[in-house]
Amino acid sequence: MARVCATPDFYPRVGDSDLRKAGLKRFPFHVIYQVKSAQILVLAIAHQRRRPAYWAGRIGK
């Protein structure tokens, strides 16, 4: 999370939304987050292989 806080725009966008995902080094998970003004809002911690997009239906736009 320190890397995400330091460079939040470095990580790829998820589709055509303003969400981004960052992979964790030691575990097979992605952190799905959104940058809101000066804050980083973590929306999901998702396993990269087991149902990787389960969280997509839970995000309200």
PDB file of N, CA and C in Angstrom:
ATOM      1  N   MET A   1       0.813  -1.195   0.000  1.00  0.00           N
ATOM      2  CA  MET A   1       0.000   0.000   0.000  1.00  0.00           C
ATOM      3  C   MET A   1       0.855   1.256   0.000  1.00  0.00           C
ATOM      4  N   ALA A   2       2.067   1.150   0.512  1.00  0.00           N
ATOM      5  CA  ALA A   2       2.955   2.316   0.471  1.00  0.00           C
ATOM      6  C   ALA A   2       3.261   2.694  -0.973  1.00  0.00           C
ATOM      7  N   ARG A   3       3.446   1.692  -1.839  1.00  0.00           N
ATOM      8  CA  ARG A   3       3.703   1.974  -3.255  1.00  0.00           C
ATOM      9  C   ARG A   3       2.498   2.627  -3.903  1.00  0.00           C
ATOM     10  N   VAL A   4       1.302   2.172  -3.558  1.00  0.00           N
ATOM     11  CA  VAL A   4       0.076   2.762  -4.118  1.00  0.00           C
ATOM     12  C   VAL A   4      -0.063   4.211  -3.652  1.00  0.00           C
ATOM     13  N   CYS A   5       0.190   4.467  -2.386  1.00  0.00           N
ATOM     14  CA  CYS A   5       0.085   5.834  -1.863  1.00  0.00           C
ATOM     15  C   CYS A   5       1.117   6.767  -2.487  1.00  0.00           C
ATOM     16  N   ALA A   6       2.304   6.240  -2.750  1.00  0.00           N
ATOM     17  CA  ALA A   6       3.361   7.065  -3.323  1.00  0.00           C
ATOM     18  C   ALA A   6       3.112   7.394  -4.791  1.00  0.00           C
ATOM     19  N   THR A   7       2.615   6.424  -5.549  1.00  0.00           N
ATOM     20  CA  THR A   7       2.401   6.613  -6.992  1.00  0.00           C
ATOM     21  C   THR A   7       1.065   6.004  -7.422  1.00  0.00           C
ATOM     22  N   PRO A   8      -0.053   6.602  -7.035  1.00  0.00           N
ATOM     23  CA  PRO A   8      -1.354   6.006  -7.333  1.00  0.00           C
ATOM     24  C   PRO A   8      -1.699   5.952  -8.818  1.00  0.00           C
ATOM     25  N   ASP A   9      -1.162   6.843  -9.629  1.00  0.00           N
ATOM     26  CA  ASP A   9      -1.470   6.852 -11.063  1.00  0.00           C
ATOM     27  C   ASP A   9      -0.603   5.890 -11.865  1.00  0.00           C
ATOM     28  N   PHE A  10       0.335   5.236 -11.224  1.00  0.00           N
ATOM     29  CA  PHE A  10       1.233   4.305 -11.895  1.00  0.00           C
ATOM     30  C   PHE A  10       0.521   3.006 -12.309  1.00  0.00           C
ATOM     31  N   TYR A  11      -0.447   2.590 -11.546  1.00  0.00           N
ATOM     32  CA  TYR A  11      -1.096   1.294 -11.754  1.00  0.00           C
ATOM     33  C   TYR A  11      -2.186   1.380 -12.817  1.00  0.00           C
ATOM     34  N   PRO A  12      -2.451   0.263 -13.517  1.00  0.00           N
ATOM     35  CA  PRO A  12      -3.388   0.295 -14.648  1.00  0.00           C
ATOM     36  C   PRO A  12      -4.841   0.482 -14.218  1.00  0.00           C
ATOM     37  N   ARG A  13      -5.593   1.093 -15.103  1.00  0.00           N
ATOM     38  CA  ARG A  13      -7.031   1.261 -14.895  1.00  0.00           C
ATOM     39  C   ARG A  13      -7.738  -0.071 -15.125  1.00  0.00           C
ATOM     40  N   VAL A  14      -8.889  -0.209 -14.500  1.00  0.00           N
ATOM     41  CA  VAL A  14      -9.729  -1.389 -14.691  1.00  0.00           C
ATOM     42  C   VAL A  14     -10.785  -1.004 -15.717  1.00  0.00           C
ATOM     43  N   GLY A  15     -10.667  -1.542 -16.921  1.00  0.00           N
ATOM     44  CA  GLY A  15     -11.604  -1.201 -17.994  1.00  0.00           C
ATOM     45  C   GLY A  15     -11.537   0.274 -18.331  1.00  0.00           C
ATOM     46  N   ASP A  16     -12.715   0.874 -18.539  1.00  0.00           N
ATOM     47  CA  ASP A  16     -12.757   2.298 -18.871  1.00  0.00           C
ATOM     48  C   ASP A  16     -13.221   3.139 -17.687  1.00  0.00           C
ATOM     49  N   SER A  17     -13.110   2.590 -16.486  1.00  0.00           N
ATOM     50  CA  SER A  17     -13.528   3.307 -15.281  1.00  0.00           C
ATOM     51  C   SER A  17     -12.356   4.086 -14.685  1.00  0.00           C
ATOM     52  N   ASP A  18     -12.618   4.726 -13.568  1.00  0.00           N
ATOM     53  CA  ASP A  18     -11.553   5.435 -12.862  1.00  0.00           C
ATOM     54  C   ASP A  18     -10.950   4.577 -11.749  1.00  0.00           C
ATOM     55  N   LEU A  19     -11.274   3.293 -11.732  1.00  0.00           N
ATOM     56  CA  LEU A  19     -10.711   2.358 -10.759  1.00  0.00           C
ATOM     57  C   LEU A  19      -9.353   1.879 -11.242  1.00  0.00           C
ATOM     58  N   ARG A  20      -8.496   1.558 -10.310  1.00  0.00           N
ATOM     59  CA  ARG A  20      -7.170   1.035 -10.637  1.00  0.00           C
ATOM     60  C   ARG A  20      -6.913  -0.213  -9.822  1.00  0.00           C
ATOM     61  N   LYS A  21      -5.968  -1.044 -10.298  1.00  0.00           N
ATOM     62  CA  LYS A  21      -5.621  -2.248  -9.549  1.00  0.00           C
ATOM     63  C   LYS A  21      -4.111  -2.376  -9.425  1.00  0.00           C
ATOM     64  N   ALA A  22      -3.700  -2.763  -8.231  1.00  0.00           N
ATOM     65  CA  ALA A  22      -2.278  -2.950  -7.935  1.00  0.00           C
ATOM     66  C   ALA A  22      -2.100  -4.366  -7.404  1.00  0.00           C
ATOM     67  N   GLY A  23      -1.137  -5.086  -7.956  1.00  0.00           N
ATOM     68  CA  GLY A  23      -0.855  -6.438  -7.493  1.00  0.00           C
ATOM     69  C   GLY A  23       0.029  -6.424  -6.259  1.00  0.00           C
ATOM     70  N   LEU A  24      -0.187  -7.382  -5.379  1.00  0.00           N
ATOM     71  CA  LEU A  24       0.649  -7.520  -4.192  1.00  0.00           C
ATOM     72  C   LEU A  24       1.800  -8.462  -4.507  1.00  0.00           C
ATOM     73  N   LYS A  25       2.971  -8.203  -3.975  1.00  0.00           N
ATOM     74  CA  LYS A  25       4.160  -8.989  -4.317  1.00  0.00           C
ATOM     75  C   LYS A  25       4.135 -10.403  -3.749  1.00  0.00           C
ATOM     76  N   ARG A  26       3.773 -10.553  -2.493  1.00  0.00           N
ATOM     77  CA  ARG A  26       3.889 -11.857  -1.841  1.00  0.00           C
ATOM     78  C   ARG A  26       2.654 -12.733  -1.960  1.00  0.00           C
ATOM     79  N   PHE A  27       1.522 -12.166  -2.323  1.00  0.00           N
ATOM     80  CA  PHE A  27       0.275 -12.917  -2.339  1.00  0.00           C
ATOM     81  C   PHE A  27      -0.422 -12.719  -3.676  1.00  0.00           C
ATOM     82  N   PRO A  28      -1.234 -13.686  -4.100  1.00  0.00           N
ATOM     83  CA  PRO A  28      -1.910 -13.554  -5.402  1.00  0.00           C
ATOM     84  C   PRO A  28      -3.187 -12.713  -5.326  1.00  0.00           C
ATOM     85  N   PHE A  29      -3.045 -11.480  -4.876  1.00  0.00           N
ATOM     86  CA  PHE A  29      -4.203 -10.600  -4.743  1.00  0.00           C
ATOM     87  C   PHE A  29      -3.950  -9.272  -5.446  1.00  0.00           C
ATOM     88  N   HIS A  30      -5.046  -8.643  -5.854  1.00  0.00           N
ATOM     89  CA  HIS A  30      -5.026  -7.278  -6.371  1.00  0.00           C
ATOM     90  C   HIS A  30      -5.741  -6.376  -5.378  1.00  0.00           C
ATOM     91  N   VAL A  31      -5.265  -5.166  -5.252  1.00  0.00           N
ATOM     92  CA  VAL A  31      -5.968  -4.136  -4.487  1.00  0.00           C
ATOM     93  C   VAL A  31      -6.676  -3.265  -5.520  1.00  0.00           C
ATOM     94  N   ILE A  32      -8.006  -3.210  -5.434  1.00  0.00           N
ATOM     95  CA  ILE A  32      -8.794  -2.376  -6.335  1.00  0.00           C
ATOM     96  C   ILE A  32      -9.061  -1.074  -5.592  1.00  0.00           C
ATOM     97  N   TYR A  33      -8.683   0.046  -6.194  1.00  0.00           N
ATOM     98  CA  TYR A  33      -8.812   1.318  -5.493  1.00  0.00           C
ATOM     99  C   TYR A  33      -9.214   2.429  -6.449  1.00  0.00           C
ATOM    100  N   GLN A  34      -9.591   3.540  -5.840  1.00  0.00           N
ATOM    101  CA  GLN A  34     -10.002   4.727  -6.580  1.00  0.00           C
ATOM    102  C   GLN A  34      -9.347   5.932  -5.922  1.00  0.00           C
ATOM    103  N   VAL A  35      -8.862   6.847  -6.732  1.00  0.00           N
ATOM    104  CA  VAL A  35      -8.253   8.069  -6.206  1.00  0.00           C
ATOM    105  C   VAL A  35      -9.321   9.153  -6.176  1.00  0.00           C
ATOM    106  N   LYS A  36      -9.595   9.647  -4.985  1.00  0.00           N
ATOM    107  CA  LYS A  36     -10.586  10.716  -4.781  1.00  0.00           C
ATOM    108  C   LYS A  36      -9.861  11.903  -4.164  1.00  0.00           C
ATOM    109  N   SER A  37      -9.714  12.961  -4.898  1.00  0.00           N
ATOM    110  CA  SER A  37      -8.957  14.164  -4.523  1.00  0.00           C
ATOM    111  C   SER A  37      -7.623  13.769  -3.894  1.00  0.00           C
ATOM    112  N   ALA A  38      -7.447  13.914  -2.613  1.00  0.00           N
ATOM    113  CA  ALA A  38      -6.157  13.582  -1.987  1.00  0.00           C
ATOM    114  C   ALA A  38      -6.217  12.270  -1.215  1.00  0.00           C
ATOM    115  N   GLN A  39      -7.242  11.455  -1.471  1.00  0.00           N
ATOM    116  CA  GLN A  39      -7.416  10.195  -0.754  1.00  0.00           C
ATOM    117  C   GLN A  39      -7.414   9.012  -1.695  1.00  0.00           C
ATOM    118  N   ILE A  40      -7.031   7.861  -1.166  1.00  0.00           N
ATOM    119  CA  ILE A  40      -7.113   6.605  -1.905  1.00  0.00           C
ATOM    120  C   ILE A  40      -8.167   5.751  -1.212  1.00  0.00           C
ATOM    121  N   LEU A  41      -9.202   5.407  -1.946  1.00  0.00           N
ATOM    122  CA  LEU A  41     -10.308   4.626  -1.418  1.00  0.00           C
ATOM    123  C   LEU A  41     -10.151   3.185  -1.889  1.00  0.00           C
ATOM    124  N   VAL A  42      -9.872   2.265  -0.963  1.00  0.00           N
ATOM    125  CA  VAL A  42      -9.729   0.848  -1.304  1.00  0.00           C
ATOM    126  C   VAL A  42     -11.124   0.247  -1.371  1.00  0.00           C
ATOM    127  N   LEU A  43     -11.466  -0.327  -2.533  1.00  0.00           N
ATOM    128  CA  LEU A  43     -12.793  -0.875  -2.746  1.00  0.00           C
ATOM    129  C   LEU A  43     -12.842  -2.385  -2.590  1.00  0.00           C
ATOM    130  N   ALA A  44     -11.747  -3.062  -2.890  1.00  0.00           N
ATOM    131  CA  ALA A  44     -11.742  -4.522  -2.792  1.00  0.00           C
ATOM    132  C   ALA A  44     -10.316  -5.044  -2.747  1.00  0.00           C
ATOM    133  N   ILE A  45     -10.179  -6.196  -2.118  1.00  0.00           N
ATOM    134  CA  ILE A  45      -8.954  -6.994  -2.183  1.00  0.00           C
ATOM    135  C   ILE A  45      -9.395  -8.283  -2.870  1.00  0.00           C
ATOM    136  N   ALA A  46      -8.951  -8.508  -4.088  1.00  0.00           N
ATOM    137  CA  ALA A  46      -9.451  -9.610  -4.908  1.00  0.00           C
ATOM    138  C   ALA A  46      -8.353 -10.608  -5.249  1.00  0.00           C
ATOM    139  N   HIS A  47      -8.682 -11.879  -5.133  1.00  0.00           N
ATOM    140  CA  HIS A  47      -7.763 -12.942  -5.535  1.00  0.00           C
ATOM    141  C   HIS A  47      -7.590 -12.873  -7.046  1.00  0.00           C
ATOM    142  N   GLN A  48      -6.377 -13.053  -7.537  1.00  0.00           N
ATOM    143  CA  GLN A  48      -6.089 -12.902  -8.960  1.00  0.00           C
ATOM    144  C   GLN A  48      -6.622 -14.045  -9.808  1.00  0.00           C
ATOM    145  N   ARG A  49      -6.820 -15.211  -9.221  1.00  0.00           N
ATOM    146  CA  ARG A  49      -7.250 -16.361 -10.010  1.00  0.00           C
ATOM    147  C   ARG A  49      -8.630 -16.895  -9.637  1.00  0.00           C
ATOM    148  N   ARG A  50      -9.005 -16.821  -8.398  1.00  0.00           N
ATOM    149  CA  ARG A  50     -10.304 -17.330  -7.956  1.00  0.00           C
ATOM    150  C   ARG A  50     -11.340 -16.223  -8.045  1.00  0.00           C
ATOM    151  N   ARG A  51     -12.245 -16.367  -8.976  1.00  0.00           N
ATOM    152  CA  ARG A  51     -13.305 -15.376  -9.172  1.00  0.00           C
ATOM    153  C   ARG A  51     -12.728 -13.961  -9.154  1.00  0.00           C
ATOM    154  N   PRO A  52     -11.836 -13.630 -10.066  1.00  0.00           N
ATOM    155  CA  PRO A  52     -11.117 -12.344 -10.011  1.00  0.00           C
ATOM    156  C   PRO A  52     -11.996 -11.106 -10.158  1.00  0.00           C
ATOM    157  N   ALA A  53     -13.193 -11.234 -10.698  1.00  0.00           N
ATOM    158  CA  ALA A  53     -14.047 -10.040 -10.882  1.00  0.00           C
ATOM    159  C   ALA A  53     -15.306 -10.101 -10.025  1.00  0.00           C
ATOM    160  N   TYR A  54     -15.300 -10.862  -8.938  1.00  0.00           N
ATOM    161  CA  TYR A  54     -16.488 -10.973  -8.091  1.00  0.00           C
ATOM    162  C   TYR A  54     -16.914  -9.620  -7.522  1.00  0.00           C
ATOM    163  N   TRP A  55     -15.976  -8.763  -7.325  1.00  0.00           N
ATOM    164  CA  TRP A  55     -16.214  -7.463  -6.701  1.00  0.00           C
ATOM    165  C   TRP A  55     -16.891  -6.474  -7.640  1.00  0.00           C
ATOM    166  N   ALA A  56     -16.828  -6.711  -8.943  1.00  0.00           N
ATOM    167  CA  ALA A  56     -17.312  -5.734  -9.929  1.00  0.00           C
ATOM    168  C   ALA A  56     -18.797  -5.410  -9.761  1.00  0.00           C
ATOM    169  N   GLY A  57     -19.605  -6.390  -9.415  1.00  0.00           N
ATOM    170  CA  GLY A  57     -21.025  -6.153  -9.227  1.00  0.00           C
ATOM    171  C   GLY A  57     -21.351  -5.443  -7.924  1.00  0.00           C
ATOM    172  N   ARG A  58     -20.418  -5.354  -7.025  1.00  0.00           N
ATOM    173  CA  ARG A  58     -20.641  -4.735  -5.720  1.00  0.00           C
ATOM    174  C   ARG A  58     -20.282  -3.250  -5.681  1.00  0.00           C
ATOM    175  N   ILE A  59     -19.645  -2.776  -6.721  1.00  0.00           N
ATOM    176  CA  ILE A  59     -19.211  -1.381  -6.768  1.00  0.00           C
ATOM    177  C   ILE A  59     -20.353  -0.542  -7.316  1.00  0.00           C
ATOM    178  N   GLY A  60     -20.828   0.415  -6.532  1.00  0.00           N
ATOM    179  CA  GLY A  60     -21.892   1.310  -6.968  1.00  0.00           C
ATOM    180  C   GLY A  60     -21.318   2.550  -7.618  1.00  0.00           C
ATOM    181  N   LYS A  61     -21.785   2.862  -8.778  1.00  0.00           N
ATOM    182  CA  LYS A  61     -21.277   4.050  -9.490  1.00  0.00           C
ATOM    183  C   LYS A  61     -22.315   5.150  -9.446  1.00  0.00           C
TER     184      LYS A  61
END
